[in-house]
Amino acid sequence: MHPYYTTSFADREMFAYNKQQAELKRVLAQPEQRMKYAFEFLSDYIGNDELMAAKCYDAIAKYSAQLDYSEAHF
């Protein structure tokens, strides 16, 4: 019998979840992606909550300070 069939449903779900979380951590390790998500959240957010907007702008400022400008050509 193939090992895939002996793996329980819960184990397969756990493996899929772990893979998804690892992919998310890899993507969010890049400051550009975090800034992109903050801008997208801010543009899609419904409501005039100044505290939420301030948190988004603070996150954008925090991650823009981490950008690598070493290959930027002016």
Protein backbone atom coordinates (compact mmCIF):
# COMPACT_ATOMS: atom_id res chain seq x y z
CA MET A 1 0.00 0.00 0.00
CA HIS A 2 1.23 3.53 -0.77
CA PRO A 3 2.24 5.58 2.31
CA TYR A 4 -0.10 8.40 1.26
CA TYR A 5 -3.10 6.20 1.94
CA THR A 6 -1.90 5.27 5.42
CA THR A 7 -1.56 8.91 6.47
CA SER A 8 -4.56 10.09 8.41
CA PHE A 9 -6.71 12.96 7.26
CA ALA A 10 -5.64 15.05 10.26
CA ASP A 11 -1.97 14.56 9.42
CA ARG A 12 -2.50 15.59 5.79
CA GLU A 13 -4.32 18.71 6.97
CA MET A 14 -1.48 19.49 9.38
CA PHE A 15 1.14 19.08 6.62
CA ALA A 16 -0.83 21.36 4.30
CA TYR A 17 -1.25 23.97 7.06
CA ASN A 18 2.46 23.88 7.92
CA LYS A 19 3.40 24.29 4.26
CA GLN A 20 1.03 27.25 3.92
CA GLN A 21 2.44 28.91 7.05
CA ALA A 22 6.03 28.40 5.85
CA GLU A 23 5.14 29.98 2.48
CA LEU A 24 3.49 32.92 4.25
CA LYS A 25 6.55 33.47 6.45
CA ARG A 26 8.80 33.37 3.38
CA VAL A 27 6.70 35.93 1.54
CA LEU A 28 6.29 38.24 4.54
CA ALA A 29 10.02 38.23 5.18
CA GLN A 30 10.32 40.77 2.37
CA PRO A 31 9.55 44.34 3.46
CA GLU A 32 8.12 45.14 0.01
CA GLN A 33 5.41 42.53 0.48
CA ARG A 34 4.52 43.77 3.95
CA MET A 35 4.20 47.32 2.63
CA LYS A 36 2.06 46.06 -0.24
CA TYR A 37 -0.28 44.28 2.17
CA ALA A 38 -0.54 47.39 4.35
CA PHE A 39 -1.43 49.55 1.35
CA GLU A 40 -3.97 46.99 0.11
CA PHE A 41 -5.57 46.71 3.53
CA LEU A 42 -5.74 50.47 3.84
CA SER A 43 -7.36 50.87 0.42
CA ASP A 44 -9.89 48.06 1.03
CA TYR A 45 -10.71 49.03 4.63
CA ILE A 46 -14.24 50.30 5.00
CA GLY A 47 -14.65 52.93 7.67
CA ASN A 48 -13.03 56.10 8.81
CA ASP A 49 -11.07 54.68 11.73
CA GLU A 50 -8.12 57.01 12.30
CA LEU A 51 -6.42 54.53 14.64
CA MET A 52 -6.41 51.80 11.97
CA ALA A 53 -5.06 54.22 9.37
CA ALA A 54 -2.33 55.31 11.79
CA LYS A 55 -1.32 51.68 12.38
CA CYS A 56 -1.10 51.08 8.63
CA TYR A 57 0.98 54.19 8.05
CA ASP A 58 3.27 53.27 10.95
CA ALA A 59 3.79 49.80 9.48
CA ILE A 60 4.52 51.28 6.06
CA ALA A 61 7.09 53.63 7.59
CA LYS A 62 8.64 50.81 9.61
CA TYR A 63 9.08 48.54 6.60
CA SER A 64 10.17 51.30 4.24
CA ALA A 65 13.10 51.90 6.60
CA GLN A 66 14.11 48.24 6.06
CA LEU A 67 14.23 48.47 2.27
CA ASP A 68 17.51 47.71 0.59
CA TYR A 69 18.62 50.64 -1.59
CA SER A 70 22.05 49.22 -2.35
CA GLU A 71 21.14 48.45 -5.98
CA ALA A 72 19.16 51.62 -6.58
CA HIS A 73 20.49 53.69 -9.45
CA PHE A 74 19.80 57.39 -9.39
